[in-house]
Every structure is written in C-alpha cells, then in structure tokens.
Amino acid sequence: METNFTHHQSAHCENGVASNLLKHNGLNISEPMVFGIGSGLFFVYLPFLKVNYAPAISYRPMPGQIFNRLAKRLGLKIKRQKFSSEANAIKALDENLKNNIPSGLQVGVYNLTYFPDEYRFHFNAHNLVVYGKTETDYLISDPVMENVTTLTHDELKKVRFAKGAFAPRGQMYYPIQVPANVDLKGAIIKGIKNTCRDMLAPMPIIGVRGIRLVARLIKKWPVKEGTKKANHYLAQIVRMQEEIGTGGGGFRFIYAAFLQEAAVILNNDELQKLSLEMTAIGDLWRDFAVEASRVYKNRSTKVDVYNLLSDQLLGIADKEEVFFKKLKRAIS
C-alpha cells in the first residue's frame, strides 16, 4: 500500500505535516503561512511540569493546536483520533492507507530509529506522515528530514504509544474536507491578533512576561540549585529552543517569512518592515543559544556569565514587547 504523496522538508514538524497534507489535498499553502495563521509563535514556562528533570519550557502552543487553528480559520475539517488499543490504532491507520489517505501522527522522539542518537530523548510531541506500508515497514514522511524514510511495524507502534508527558496515545489526524476557495486575508489577521494576544498576555509565565521570568531565574539558579543543575536547566532551554522545538531563532525566522507573505496578500508594507525586525530578533535568540551552550558545556571564558545570559534574554523580551505592540497596531 502506497499513496501518491510528495515529501517536502520543513523547519518544524507540525507546520510541515500540515502543509504537506494540505498540499496533497489540493491546497497549496506554505509552512510559514501554516505557522502564522495557526498562531504557532508562543512562549510558556511551566516550573511545575518537569521534562527530562528540568522545568518545562515551550516555544509553541499545545501539540495539534497550530493545525486546529489553521483549520478553523480556513474552514477546513480535520479528523483526529486517539486510541486506547494499539490494535485499533494500527487497524485505523492501515484502513486509511488502503483508502489512499496519508495520515499525520503524533509520536514520541526517543524510539525514532532514523534520528541521530543526540536528538533521541523523551519528547512526545513530534509529528510525521505515514503514506504507505510494506510487509515489514511503514513509509514515513518526516518533514524535518531531507528525504522519506521507514519504520518497522513494531517501531511505529512503539513511537505511537510512547509513555510520559503529552503521551500521543496513537493519535492520528488527516483532512476530510478542504474547500476550493479559502479566505486567506481574514485568516491571516485572526492569526496575527491571536499571536499578539498570547505574546503580550498579562500572565507571568506566558509570552514576553514568561521570557522575563526565565531571564530573572537564570541569575538565581546557580545559587539556589547549584552550578550542575543550573547548567542542566540551561541545556533544557536551548534544547527546546533550537534542537527539538525550533522555537527560538527558528520560529522567529519562520514567522518573519510568514509576515513577508502576509505583507503581499494584505498589501501592507508595514508587515514587510516588521518581517525584517523579527529576523533580527531571531538572530538574538540564536546568539543567546550559542552563549548558553558554551556555559553548560563548560566552554565559556566569560566572568559573571549567568548574569550576562540573564541580561541578554531580558533584552530579547524588551524587543519582543515593542515588536508585538507594533504588529498589533499594523493590522488594527
């Protein structure tokens, strides 16, 4: 069983799966447009939830929300299923493949055998597409990979039913209705307003305020938790930002590309200028990640390095606050 599915590489898994599935169903939409309309840019710090023995930090909304928001704003219908039974999950996927329906799956990263070892850890919000099956393998389009790949039947079962935070429970999703014409302009404006609302939220753990909270904690961690744990927490920030979630610099670059596309569709020159500004902020996130990684790898020669990292992140938060206030005005 193999569907006629075209693989396109992307910067982030959920955007890429959504874009690839919609292209397959006749709606040619780019990864940045999926991300922007789906309000994928986000920040939340969850000290009460531990991932890999460190406080959870997310640079994106809950798994599935980007595609769900996109679908709602464009008038698409997406079917989502979770399963308590592994057998039922396998049966439903095989039925889809028999009916030529490539299907998105939420999976755990740890047992993805085609990932390099350094990227395989317990993170259950990865997305991929299954587009076919042979006697031994499932045919996989993982959008963060350059080419299509495979997982054995047992390997796919293992990643679909990974345990831990955000356990996927065999989750499968796919479009069941894609209109011939969609209102991109209205969807873009709704997406931008949602992102501005999130990033300027008055809650201390969300958006710009959440970034400031983490920045202030970086100063305290070495004293309160000890250097070893402080470095582990820094590594968690960078891992979620650059390696797994793409969320820091990577998401800013995707959002800048979205604003470029949106500027043309909405005929709004201000969005073009803001696109350049967001790219510059993305560079600052990358610089922060490089400096932080030097610290937790014990390669930094700078004095008072935790205070410097804290100030660096506070500076990013200030720039993002100004940016999102300008963006909010640009589409009001």
C-alpha atoms as a PDB file:
ATOM      1  CA  MET A   1       0.000   0.000   0.000  1.00  0.00           C
ATOM      2  CA  GLU A   2       1.453   3.356  -1.032  1.00  0.00           C
ATOM      3  CA  THR A   3      -0.259   6.700  -1.605  1.00  0.00           C
ATOM      4  CA  ASN A   4       0.926   9.210  -4.192  1.00  0.00           C
ATOM      5  CA  PHE A   5       2.372  11.582  -1.566  1.00  0.00           C
ATOM      6  CA  THR A   6       5.013  14.287  -2.137  1.00  0.00           C
ATOM      7  CA  HIS A   7       7.513  14.903   0.667  1.00  0.00           C
ATOM      8  CA  HIS A   8       8.631  18.497   1.345  1.00  0.00           C
ATOM      9  CA  GLN A   9      11.228  19.238   4.016  1.00  0.00           C
ATOM     10  CA  SER A  10      10.308  21.896   6.579  1.00  0.00           C
ATOM     11  CA  ALA A  11      11.814  23.639   9.587  1.00  0.00           C
ATOM     12  CA  HIS A  12       9.247  22.361  12.098  1.00  0.00           C
ATOM     13  CA  CYS A  13       7.321  19.115  12.249  1.00  0.00           C
ATOM     14  CA  GLU A  14       3.710  20.201  12.880  1.00  0.00           C
ATOM     15  CA  ASN A  15       3.827  23.030  10.317  1.00  0.00           C
ATOM     16  CA  GLY A  16       5.442  20.687   7.804  1.00  0.00           C
ATOM     17  CA  VAL A  17       2.925  17.889   8.294  1.00  0.00           C
ATOM     18  CA  ALA A  18       0.007  20.340   7.980  1.00  0.00           C
ATOM     19  CA  SER A  19       1.457  21.975   4.853  1.00  0.00           C
ATOM     20  CA  ASN A  20       2.278  18.616   3.224  1.00  0.00           C
ATOM     21  CA  LEU A  21      -1.130  17.078   3.977  1.00  0.00           C
ATOM     22  CA  LEU A  22      -2.961  20.151   2.660  1.00  0.00           C
ATOM     23  CA  LYS A  23      -0.823  20.269  -0.492  1.00  0.00           C
ATOM     24  CA  HIS A  24      -1.713  16.613  -1.035  1.00  0.00           C
ATOM     25  CA  ASN A  25      -5.387  17.594  -0.710  1.00  0.00           C
ATOM     26  CA  GLY A  26      -5.151  20.427  -3.236  1.00  0.00           C
ATOM     27  CA  LEU A  27      -4.494  23.478  -1.027  1.00  0.00           C
ATOM     28  CA  ASN A  28      -1.042  24.875  -1.804  1.00  0.00           C
ATOM     29  CA  ILE A  29      -0.063  26.540   1.460  1.00  0.00           C
ATOM     30  CA  SER A  30       3.483  27.185   2.681  1.00  0.00           C
ATOM     31  CA  GLU A  31       4.935  26.199   6.037  1.00  0.00           C
ATOM     32  CA  PRO A  32       5.253  29.855   7.195  1.00  0.00           C
ATOM     33  CA  MET A  33       1.608  30.507   6.281  1.00  0.00           C
ATOM     34  CA  VAL A  34       0.504  27.429   8.277  1.00  0.00           C
ATOM     35  CA  PHE A  35       2.571  28.666  11.233  1.00  0.00           C
ATOM     36  CA  GLY A  36       1.307  32.257  11.106  1.00  0.00           C
ATOM     37  CA  ILE A  37      -2.383  31.528  10.585  1.00  0.00           C
ATOM     38  CA  GLY A  38      -2.164  28.776  13.222  1.00  0.00           C
ATOM     39  CA  SER A  39      -0.557  31.237  15.708  1.00  0.00           C
ATOM     40  CA  GLY A  40       2.412  28.954  16.287  1.00  0.00           C
ATOM     41  CA  LEU A  41       4.653  31.563  17.933  1.00  0.00           C
ATOM     42  CA  PHE A  42       4.269  31.270  21.693  1.00  0.00           C
ATOM     43  CA  PHE A  43       6.210  31.068  24.963  1.00  0.00           C
ATOM     44  CA  VAL A  44       5.288  29.409  28.239  1.00  0.00           C
ATOM     45  CA  TYR A  45       7.347  28.454  31.287  1.00  0.00           C
ATOM     46  CA  LEU A  46       5.901  25.599  33.383  1.00  0.00           C
ATOM     47  CA  PRO A  47       8.006  25.123  36.546  1.00  0.00           C
ATOM     48  CA  PHE A  48       5.509  22.591  37.945  1.00  0.00           C
ATOM     49  CA  LEU A  49       5.926  20.265  34.921  1.00  0.00           C
ATOM     50  CA  LYS A  50       9.273  18.504  34.582  1.00  0.00           C
ATOM     51  CA  VAL A  51      10.606  17.263  31.237  1.00  0.00           C
ATOM     52  CA  ASN A  52      13.969  15.467  31.337  1.00  0.00           C
ATOM     53  CA  TYR A  53      14.328  16.509  35.012  1.00  0.00           C
ATOM     54  CA  ALA A  54      14.068  20.236  34.243  1.00  0.00           C
ATOM     55  CA  PRO A  55      11.177  22.742  34.235  1.00  0.00           C
ATOM     56  CA  ALA A  56       9.185  22.579  31.005  1.00  0.00           C
ATOM     57  CA  ILE A  57       9.588  25.435  28.555  1.00  0.00           C
ATOM     58  CA  SER A  58       7.598  25.591  25.351  1.00  0.00           C
ATOM     59  CA  TYR A  59       8.018  27.981  22.455  1.00  0.00           C
ATOM     60  CA  ARG A  60       4.837  26.728  20.786  1.00  0.00           C
ATOM     61  CA  PRO A  61       1.201  26.028  21.743  1.00  0.00           C
ATOM     62  CA  MET A  62      -0.069  22.582  22.739  1.00  0.00           C
ATOM     63  CA  PRO A  63       0.513  19.807  20.188  1.00  0.00           C
ATOM     64  CA  GLY A  64      -2.167  19.914  17.490  1.00  0.00           C
ATOM     65  CA  GLN A  65      -3.263  23.496  18.143  1.00  0.00           C
ATOM     66  CA  ILE A  66      -1.434  25.019  15.162  1.00  0.00           C
ATOM     67  CA  PHE A  67      -3.229  22.732  12.695  1.00  0.00           C
ATOM     68  CA  ASN A  68      -6.571  23.030  14.551  1.00  0.00           C
ATOM     69  CA  ARG A  69      -6.479  26.839  14.497  1.00  0.00           C
ATOM     70  CA  LEU A  70      -5.433  26.846  10.852  1.00  0.00           C
ATOM     71  CA  ALA A  71      -8.344  24.525  10.008  1.00  0.00           C
ATOM     72  CA  LYS A  72     -10.863  26.661  11.897  1.00  0.00           C
ATOM     73  CA  ARG A  73      -9.668  29.905  10.300  1.00  0.00           C
ATOM     74  CA  LEU A  74      -9.654  28.485   6.763  1.00  0.00           C
ATOM     75  CA  GLY A  75     -12.859  26.439   7.080  1.00  0.00           C
ATOM     76  CA  LEU A  76     -11.138  23.035   6.779  1.00  0.00           C
ATOM     77  CA  LYS A  77     -12.270  19.872   8.540  1.00  0.00           C
ATOM     78  CA  ILE A  78      -9.628  17.712  10.196  1.00  0.00           C
ATOM     79  CA  LYS A  79     -10.388  14.318  11.702  1.00  0.00           C
ATOM     80  CA  ARG A  80      -8.415  13.444  14.862  1.00  0.00           C
ATOM     81  CA  GLN A  81      -8.432  10.093  16.610  1.00  0.00           C
ATOM     82  CA  LYS A  82      -6.769   8.774  19.769  1.00  0.00           C
ATOM     83  CA  PHE A  83      -6.788   5.114  20.744  1.00  0.00           C
ATOM     84  CA  SER A  84      -6.715   3.141  23.966  1.00  0.00           C
ATOM     85  CA  SER A  85      -5.952  -0.010  21.982  1.00  0.00           C
ATOM     86  CA  GLU A  86      -2.780  -0.466  19.916  1.00  0.00           C
ATOM     87  CA  ALA A  87      -4.590  -2.936  17.667  1.00  0.00           C
ATOM     88  CA  ASN A  88      -7.338  -0.409  16.880  1.00  0.00           C
ATOM     89  CA  ALA A  89      -4.728   2.287  16.149  1.00  0.00           C
ATOM     90  CA  ILE A  90      -2.934   0.008  13.680  1.00  0.00           C
ATOM     91  CA  LYS A  91      -6.220  -1.038  12.070  1.00  0.00           C
ATOM     92  CA  ALA A  92      -7.377   2.583  11.590  1.00  0.00           C
ATOM     93  CA  LEU A  93      -4.058   3.640  10.021  1.00  0.00           C
ATOM     94  CA  ASP A  94      -3.984   0.618   7.702  1.00  0.00           C
ATOM     95  CA  GLU A  95      -7.570   1.354   6.657  1.00  0.00           C
ATOM     96  CA  ASN A  96      -6.584   4.916   5.742  1.00  0.00           C
ATOM     97  CA  LEU A  97      -3.603   3.718   3.712  1.00  0.00           C
ATOM     98  CA  LYS A  98      -5.841   1.213   1.911  1.00  0.00           C
ATOM     99  CA  ASN A  99      -8.094   4.177   1.000  1.00  0.00           C
ATOM    100  CA  ASN A 100      -5.119   6.286  -0.213  1.00  0.00           C
ATOM    101  CA  ILE A 101      -5.249   8.670   2.758  1.00  0.00           C
ATOM    102  CA  PRO A 102      -1.786   9.766   4.008  1.00  0.00           C
ATOM    103  CA  SER A 103      -2.149  10.302   7.753  1.00  0.00           C
ATOM    104  CA  GLY A 104      -0.460  12.592  10.253  1.00  0.00           C
ATOM    105  CA  LEU A 105       0.683  11.015  13.525  1.00  0.00           C
ATOM    106  CA  GLN A 106       1.836  12.461  16.839  1.00  0.00           C
ATOM    107  CA  VAL A 107       4.731  10.325  18.122  1.00  0.00           C
ATOM    108  CA  GLY A 108       7.497  10.087  20.704  1.00  0.00           C
ATOM    109  CA  VAL A 109      11.012  11.022  19.563  1.00  0.00           C
ATOM    110  CA  TYR A 110      13.007   8.602  21.733  1.00  0.00           C
ATOM    111  CA  ASN A 111      12.461   5.484  19.606  1.00  0.00           C
ATOM    112  CA  LEU A 112      12.619   7.113  16.167  1.00  0.00           C
ATOM    113  CA  THR A 113      15.438   4.946  14.827  1.00  0.00           C
ATOM    114  CA  TYR A 114      16.204   7.242  11.884  1.00  0.00           C
ATOM    115  CA  PHE A 115      17.013  10.162  14.231  1.00  0.00           C
ATOM    116  CA  PRO A 116      20.663  10.639  15.281  1.00  0.00           C
ATOM    117  CA  ASP A 117      21.250   9.491  18.876  1.00  0.00           C
ATOM    118  CA  GLU A 118      21.818  13.043  20.176  1.00  0.00           C
ATOM    119  CA  TYR A 119      18.259  14.023  19.122  1.00  0.00           C
ATOM    120  CA  ARG A 120      16.571  10.996  20.666  1.00  0.00           C
ATOM    121  CA  PHE A 121      15.172  11.772  24.090  1.00  0.00           C
ATOM    122  CA  HIS A 122      11.785  11.621  25.806  1.00  0.00           C
ATOM    123  CA  PHE A 123       9.670  14.149  23.912  1.00  0.00           C
ATOM    124  CA  ASN A 124       6.220  13.060  22.765  1.00  0.00           C
ATOM    125  CA  ALA A 125       5.020  15.927  20.562  1.00  0.00           C
ATOM    126  CA  HIS A 126       6.750  15.111  17.282  1.00  0.00           C
ATOM    127  CA  ASN A 127       4.701  14.869  14.069  1.00  0.00           C
ATOM    128  CA  LEU A 128       5.150  12.859  10.879  1.00  0.00           C
ATOM    129  CA  VAL A 129       3.120  11.465   7.977  1.00  0.00           C
ATOM    130  CA  VAL A 130       2.651   7.792   7.150  1.00  0.00           C
ATOM    131  CA  TYR A 131       1.958   7.435   3.434  1.00  0.00           C
ATOM    132  CA  GLY A 132       2.365   3.708   2.787  1.00  0.00           C
ATOM    133  CA  LYS A 133       3.082   0.230   4.111  1.00  0.00           C
ATOM    134  CA  THR A 134       5.056  -2.821   3.036  1.00  0.00           C
ATOM    135  CA  GLU A 135       5.185  -6.297   4.553  1.00  0.00           C
ATOM    136  CA  THR A 136       7.857  -5.179   7.031  1.00  0.00           C
ATOM    137  CA  ASP A 137       7.795  -1.356   7.171  1.00  0.00           C
ATOM    138  CA  TYR A 138       5.670   1.776   7.199  1.00  0.00           C
ATOM    139  CA  LEU A 139       6.693   4.502   4.726  1.00  0.00           C
ATOM    140  CA  ILE A 140       7.382   7.716   6.618  1.00  0.00           C
ATOM    141  CA  SER A 141       7.489  11.352   5.524  1.00  0.00           C
ATOM    142  CA  ASP A 142       9.044  13.183   8.478  1.00  0.00           C
ATOM    143  CA  PRO A 143       9.155  16.836   7.377  1.00  0.00           C
ATOM    144  CA  VAL A 144      12.297  17.651   9.365  1.00  0.00           C
ATOM    145  CA  MET A 145      14.206  15.023   7.358  1.00  0.00           C
ATOM    146  CA  GLU A 146      15.588  15.701   3.892  1.00  0.00           C
ATOM    147  CA  ASN A 147      14.162  12.506   2.396  1.00  0.00           C
ATOM    148  CA  VAL A 148      11.419   9.986   3.133  1.00  0.00           C
ATOM    149  CA  THR A 149      12.292   7.112   5.464  1.00  0.00           C
ATOM    150  CA  THR A 150      10.797   3.985   7.065  1.00  0.00           C
ATOM    151  CA  LEU A 151       9.956   2.461  10.440  1.00  0.00           C
ATOM    152  CA  THR A 152       9.259  -1.217  11.027  1.00  0.00           C
ATOM    153  CA  HIS A 153       5.738  -2.123  12.146  1.00  0.00           C
ATOM    154  CA  ASP A 154       6.957  -2.587  15.741  1.00  0.00           C
ATOM    155  CA  GLU A 155       8.970   0.648  15.725  1.00  0.00           C
ATOM    156  CA  LEU A 156       5.948   2.680  14.611  1.00  0.00           C
ATOM    157  CA  LYS A 157       3.763   1.049  17.260  1.00  0.00           C
ATOM    158  CA  LYS A 158       6.357   1.933  19.906  1.00  0.00           C
ATOM    159  CA  VAL A 159       6.546   5.642  18.974  1.00  0.00           C
ATOM    160  CA  ARG A 160       2.751   5.956  18.615  1.00  0.00           C
ATOM    161  CA  PHE A 161       2.280   4.666  22.155  1.00  0.00           C
ATOM    162  CA  ALA A 162       5.245   6.325  23.861  1.00  0.00           C
ATOM    163  CA  LYS A 163       4.713   6.978  27.575  1.00  0.00           C
ATOM    164  CA  GLY A 164       5.203  10.176  29.588  1.00  0.00           C
ATOM    165  CA  ALA A 165       4.167  13.844  29.256  1.00  0.00           C
ATOM    166  CA  PHE A 166       1.939  14.501  26.214  1.00  0.00           C
ATOM    167  CA  ALA A 167       1.699  10.741  25.537  1.00  0.00           C
ATOM    168  CA  PRO A 168       0.353  10.542  21.962  1.00  0.00           C
ATOM    169  CA  ARG A 169      -1.991   7.558  22.545  1.00  0.00           C
ATOM    170  CA  GLY A 170      -1.728   6.575  18.899  1.00  0.00           C
ATOM    171  CA  GLN A 171      -3.038   9.950  17.735  1.00  0.00           C
ATOM    172  CA  MET A 172      -3.811  10.133  14.014  1.00  0.00           C
ATOM    173  CA  TYR A 173      -5.170  13.097  12.035  1.00  0.00           C
ATOM    174  CA  TYR A 174      -5.923  13.999   8.417  1.00  0.00           C
ATOM    175  CA  PRO A 175      -8.041  16.470   6.394  1.00  0.00           C
ATOM    176  CA  ILE A 176     -11.505  15.247   5.443  1.00  0.00           C
ATOM    177  CA  GLN A 177     -12.777  18.473   3.845  1.00  0.00           C
ATOM    178  CA  VAL A 178     -10.734  21.156   2.080  1.00  0.00           C
ATOM    179  CA  PRO A 179     -12.746  23.942   0.364  1.00  0.00           C
ATOM    180  CA  ALA A 180     -11.767  25.043  -3.150  1.00  0.00           C
ATOM    181  CA  ASN A 181     -11.545  28.688  -2.023  1.00  0.00           C
ATOM    182  CA  VAL A 182     -10.303  29.931   1.339  1.00  0.00           C
ATOM    183  CA  ASP A 183     -10.260  33.405   2.934  1.00  0.00           C
ATOM    184  CA  LEU A 184      -6.524  33.865   3.447  1.00  0.00           C
ATOM    185  CA  LYS A 185      -6.802  37.580   4.335  1.00  0.00           C
ATOM    186  CA  GLY A 186      -9.245  37.040   7.191  1.00  0.00           C
ATOM    187  CA  ALA A 187      -7.324  34.011   8.457  1.00  0.00           C
ATOM    188  CA  ILE A 188      -4.004  35.916   8.450  1.00  0.00           C
ATOM    189  CA  ILE A 189      -5.457  38.793  10.502  1.00  0.00           C
ATOM    190  CA  LYS A 190      -7.012  36.387  13.041  1.00  0.00           C
ATOM    191  CA  GLY A 191      -3.718  34.510  13.321  1.00  0.00           C
ATOM    192  CA  ILE A 192      -1.694  37.677  13.925  1.00  0.00           C
ATOM    193  CA  LYS A 193      -4.147  39.009  16.526  1.00  0.00           C
ATOM    194  CA  ASN A 194      -4.016  35.680  18.404  1.00  0.00           C
ATOM    195  CA  THR A 195      -0.181  35.705  18.458  1.00  0.00           C
ATOM    196  CA  CYS A 196      -0.051  39.324  19.684  1.00  0.00           C
ATOM    197  CA  ARG A 197      -2.580  38.493  22.407  1.00  0.00           C
ATOM    198  CA  ASP A 198      -0.512  35.478  23.523  1.00  0.00           C
ATOM    199  CA  MET A 199       2.867  37.196  23.484  1.00  0.00           C
ATOM    200  CA  LEU A 200       1.536  40.309  25.307  1.00  0.00           C
ATOM    201  CA  ALA A 201      -0.563  38.292  27.791  1.00  0.00           C
ATOM    202  CA  PRO A 202      -0.693  39.672  31.371  1.00  0.00           C
ATOM    203  CA  MET A 203       0.167  36.264  32.908  1.00  0.00           C
ATOM    204  CA  PRO A 204       3.685  35.938  34.401  1.00  0.00           C
ATOM    205  CA  ILE A 205       4.535  32.572  32.762  1.00  0.00           C
ATOM    206  CA  ILE A 206       3.308  33.347  29.225  1.00  0.00           C
ATOM    207  CA  GLY A 207       4.694  35.377  26.316  1.00  0.00           C
ATOM    208  CA  VAL A 208       7.046  38.287  26.922  1.00  0.00           C
ATOM    209  CA  ARG A 209       6.423  38.139  30.685  1.00  0.00           C
ATOM    210  CA  GLY A 210       7.318  34.440  30.693  1.00  0.00           C
ATOM    211  CA  ILE A 211      10.600  35.190  28.889  1.00  0.00           C
ATOM    212  CA  ARG A 212      11.408  37.851  31.521  1.00  0.00           C
ATOM    213  CA  LEU A 213      10.629  35.400  34.332  1.00  0.00           C
ATOM    214  CA  VAL A 214      13.040  32.806  32.912  1.00  0.00           C
ATOM    215  CA  ALA A 215      15.681  35.522  32.378  1.00  0.00           C
ATOM    216  CA  ARG A 216      15.483  36.512  36.057  1.00  0.00           C
ATOM    217  CA  LEU A 217      15.590  32.856  37.168  1.00  0.00           C
ATOM    218  CA  ILE A 218      18.831  32.259  35.222  1.00  0.00           C
ATOM    219  CA  LYS A 219      20.557  34.638  37.672  1.00  0.00           C
ATOM    220  CA  LYS A 220      19.192  32.694  40.658  1.00  0.00           C
ATOM    221  CA  TRP A 221      19.672  29.089  39.502  1.00  0.00           C
ATOM    222  CA  PRO A 222      23.440  28.739  40.235  1.00  0.00           C
ATOM    223  CA  VAL A 223      22.955  29.980  43.816  1.00  0.00           C
ATOM    224  CA  LYS A 224      19.655  28.245  44.526  1.00  0.00           C
ATOM    225  CA  GLU A 225      20.169  24.971  42.617  1.00  0.00           C
ATOM    226  CA  GLY A 226      23.960  24.699  42.234  1.00  0.00           C
ATOM    227  CA  THR A 227      26.011  25.002  39.047  1.00  0.00           C
ATOM    228  CA  LYS A 228      25.365  21.471  37.801  1.00  0.00           C
ATOM    229  CA  LYS A 229      21.589  21.780  37.943  1.00  0.00           C
ATOM    230  CA  ALA A 230      21.685  25.361  36.636  1.00  0.00           C
ATOM    231  CA  ASN A 231      23.607  24.133  33.603  1.00  0.00           C
ATOM    232  CA  HIS A 232      21.128  21.293  33.097  1.00  0.00           C
ATOM    233  CA  TYR A 233      18.267  23.833  33.133  1.00  0.00           C
ATOM    234  CA  LEU A 234      20.145  26.000  30.612  1.00  0.00           C
ATOM    235  CA  ALA A 235      20.615  22.962  28.380  1.00  0.00           C
ATOM    236  CA  GLN A 236      16.847  22.355  28.565  1.00  0.00           C
ATOM    237  CA  ILE A 237      16.148  25.920  27.398  1.00  0.00           C
ATOM    238  CA  VAL A 238      18.457  25.547  24.415  1.00  0.00           C
ATOM    239  CA  ARG A 239      17.273  22.045  23.531  1.00  0.00           C
ATOM    240  CA  MET A 240      13.613  23.120  23.440  1.00  0.00           C
ATOM    241  CA  GLN A 241      14.585  26.331  21.661  1.00  0.00           C
ATOM    242  CA  GLU A 242      16.877  25.120  18.909  1.00  0.00           C
ATOM    243  CA  GLU A 243      17.034  21.331  18.691  1.00  0.00           C
ATOM    244  CA  ILE A 244      13.553  19.924  19.227  1.00  0.00           C
ATOM    245  CA  GLY A 245      11.051  22.748  19.134  1.00  0.00           C
ATOM    246  CA  THR A 246      12.878  25.035  16.667  1.00  0.00           C
ATOM    247  CA  GLY A 247      11.262  27.600  18.917  1.00  0.00           C
ATOM    248  CA  GLY A 248      13.747  30.415  19.500  1.00  0.00           C
ATOM    249  CA  GLY A 249      15.538  31.759  16.462  1.00  0.00           C
ATOM    250  CA  GLY A 250      13.986  29.170  14.146  1.00  0.00           C
ATOM    251  CA  PHE A 251      10.397  30.147  14.909  1.00  0.00           C
ATOM    252  CA  ARG A 252      11.237  33.837  14.545  1.00  0.00           C
ATOM    253  CA  PHE A 253      12.677  33.193  11.080  1.00  0.00           C
ATOM    254  CA  ILE A 254       9.552  31.215  10.084  1.00  0.00           C
ATOM    255  CA  TYR A 255       7.333  33.997  11.456  1.00  0.00           C
ATOM    256  CA  ALA A 256       9.347  36.600   9.523  1.00  0.00           C
ATOM    257  CA  ALA A 257       8.729  34.591   6.330  1.00  0.00           C
ATOM    258  CA  PHE A 258       5.009  34.487   7.197  1.00  0.00           C
ATOM    259  CA  LEU A 259       4.935  38.283   7.598  1.00  0.00           C
ATOM    260  CA  GLN A 260       6.626  38.647   4.194  1.00  0.00           C
ATOM    261  CA  GLU A 261       3.903  36.545   2.561  1.00  0.00           C
ATOM    262  CA  ALA A 262       1.194  38.319   4.576  1.00  0.00           C
ATOM    263  CA  ALA A 263       2.507  41.756   3.517  1.00  0.00           C
ATOM    264  CA  VAL A 264       1.847  40.857  -0.141  1.00  0.00           C
ATOM    265  CA  ILE A 265      -1.577  39.254   0.449  1.00  0.00           C
ATOM    266  CA  LEU A 266      -2.793  42.126   2.679  1.00  0.00           C
ATOM    267  CA  ASN A 267      -0.954  44.796   0.664  1.00  0.00           C
ATOM    268  CA  ASN A 268       0.553  46.058   3.927  1.00  0.00           C
ATOM    269  CA  ASP A 269       4.099  47.485   3.702  1.00  0.00           C
ATOM    270  CA  GLU A 270       4.389  47.730   7.496  1.00  0.00           C
ATOM    271  CA  LEU A 271       4.367  43.920   7.731  1.00  0.00           C
ATOM    272  CA  GLN A 272       7.341  43.817   5.343  1.00  0.00           C
ATOM    273  CA  LYS A 273       9.328  46.097   7.695  1.00  0.00           C
ATOM    274  CA  LEU A 274       8.272  44.066  10.721  1.00  0.00           C
ATOM    275  CA  SER A 275       9.433  40.907   8.946  1.00  0.00           C
ATOM    276  CA  LEU A 276      12.986  42.302   8.893  1.00  0.00           C
ATOM    277  CA  GLU A 277      12.697  43.263  12.556  1.00  0.00           C
ATOM    278  CA  MET A 278      11.589  39.742  13.505  1.00  0.00           C
ATOM    279  CA  THR A 279      14.559  38.259  11.594  1.00  0.00           C
ATOM    280  CA  ALA A 280      16.894  40.452  13.676  1.00  0.00           C
ATOM    281  CA  ILE A 281      15.203  39.243  16.884  1.00  0.00           C
ATOM    282  CA  GLY A 282      15.659  35.650  15.651  1.00  0.00           C
ATOM    283  CA  ASP A 283      19.406  36.336  15.363  1.00  0.00           C
ATOM    284  CA  LEU A 284      19.432  37.490  19.011  1.00  0.00           C
ATOM    285  CA  TRP A 285      17.758  34.221  20.101  1.00  0.00           C
ATOM    286  CA  ARG A 286      20.430  32.266  18.215  1.00  0.00           C
ATOM    287  CA  ASP A 287      23.189  34.329  19.882  1.00  0.00           C
ATOM    288  CA  PHE A 288      21.639  33.599  23.287  1.00  0.00           C
ATOM    289  CA  ALA A 289      21.554  29.858  22.496  1.00  0.00           C
ATOM    290  CA  VAL A 290      25.231  29.869  21.467  1.00  0.00           C
ATOM    291  CA  GLU A 291      26.302  31.663  24.666  1.00  0.00           C
ATOM    292  CA  ALA A 292      24.145  29.412  26.875  1.00  0.00           C
ATOM    293  CA  SER A 293      25.501  26.257  25.227  1.00  0.00           C
ATOM    294  CA  ARG A 294      29.071  27.397  25.928  1.00  0.00           C
ATOM    295  CA  VAL A 295      28.173  27.680  29.604  1.00  0.00           C
ATOM    296  CA  TYR A 296      26.600  24.245  30.037  1.00  0.00           C
ATOM    297  CA  LYS A 297      29.396  22.648  28.008  1.00  0.00           C
ATOM    298  CA  ASN A 298      31.931  24.415  30.260  1.00  0.00           C
ATOM    299  CA  ARG A 299      33.481  26.275  27.325  1.00  0.00           C
ATOM    300  CA  SER A 300      32.682  29.833  28.370  1.00  0.00           C
ATOM    301  CA  THR A 301      35.563  32.068  29.455  1.00  0.00           C
ATOM    302  CA  LYS A 302      33.322  34.978  30.450  1.00  0.00           C
ATOM    303  CA  VAL A 303      33.082  36.225  34.035  1.00  0.00           C
ATOM    304  CA  ASP A 304      29.645  36.530  35.687  1.00  0.00           C
ATOM    305  CA  VAL A 305      28.197  34.539  32.808  1.00  0.00           C
ATOM    306  CA  TYR A 306      24.760  33.760  34.319  1.00  0.00           C
ATOM    307  CA  ASN A 307      24.066  37.459  34.847  1.00  0.00           C
ATOM    308  CA  LEU A 308      25.177  38.171  31.280  1.00  0.00           C
ATOM    309  CA  LEU A 309      22.830  35.469  29.910  1.00  0.00           C
ATOM    310  CA  SER A 310      20.009  36.844  32.027  1.00  0.00           C
ATOM    311  CA  ASP A 311      20.560  40.358  30.674  1.00  0.00           C
ATOM    312  CA  GLN A 312      20.749  39.006  27.128  1.00  0.00           C
ATOM    313  CA  LEU A 313      17.346  37.318  27.496  1.00  0.00           C
ATOM    314  CA  LEU A 314      15.816  40.380  29.181  1.00  0.00           C
ATOM    315  CA  GLY A 315      16.956  42.425  26.179  1.00  0.00           C
ATOM    316  CA  ILE A 316      15.201  39.979  23.827  1.00  0.00           C
ATOM    317  CA  ALA A 317      11.999  40.226  25.893  1.00  0.00           C
ATOM    318  CA  ASP A 318      12.097  44.055  25.661  1.00  0.00           C
ATOM    319  CA  LYS A 319      12.497  43.930  21.874  1.00  0.00           C
ATOM    320  CA  GLU A 320       9.681  41.391  21.501  1.00  0.00           C
ATOM    321  CA  GLU A 321       7.318  43.523  23.596  1.00  0.00           C
ATOM    322  CA  VAL A 322       7.952  46.522  21.336  1.00  0.00           C
ATOM    323  CA  PHE A 323       7.658  44.314  18.232  1.00  0.00           C
ATOM    324  CA  PHE A 324       4.297  42.740  19.117  1.00  0.00           C
ATOM    325  CA  LYS A 325       2.793  46.109  20.096  1.00  0.00           C
ATOM    326  CA  LYS A 326       3.804  47.439  16.658  1.00  0.00           C
ATOM    327  CA  LEU A 327       2.457  44.325  14.934  1.00  0.00           C
ATOM    328  CA  LYS A 328      -0.863  44.667  16.761  1.00  0.00           C
ATOM    329  CA  ARG A 329      -1.164  48.270  15.540  1.00  0.00           C
ATOM    330  CA  ALA A 330      -0.150  47.307  11.977  1.00  0.00           C
ATOM    331  CA  ILE A 331      -3.232  45.108  11.458  1.00  0.00           C
ATOM    332  CA  SER A 332      -5.784  47.012  13.587  1.00  0.00           C
END
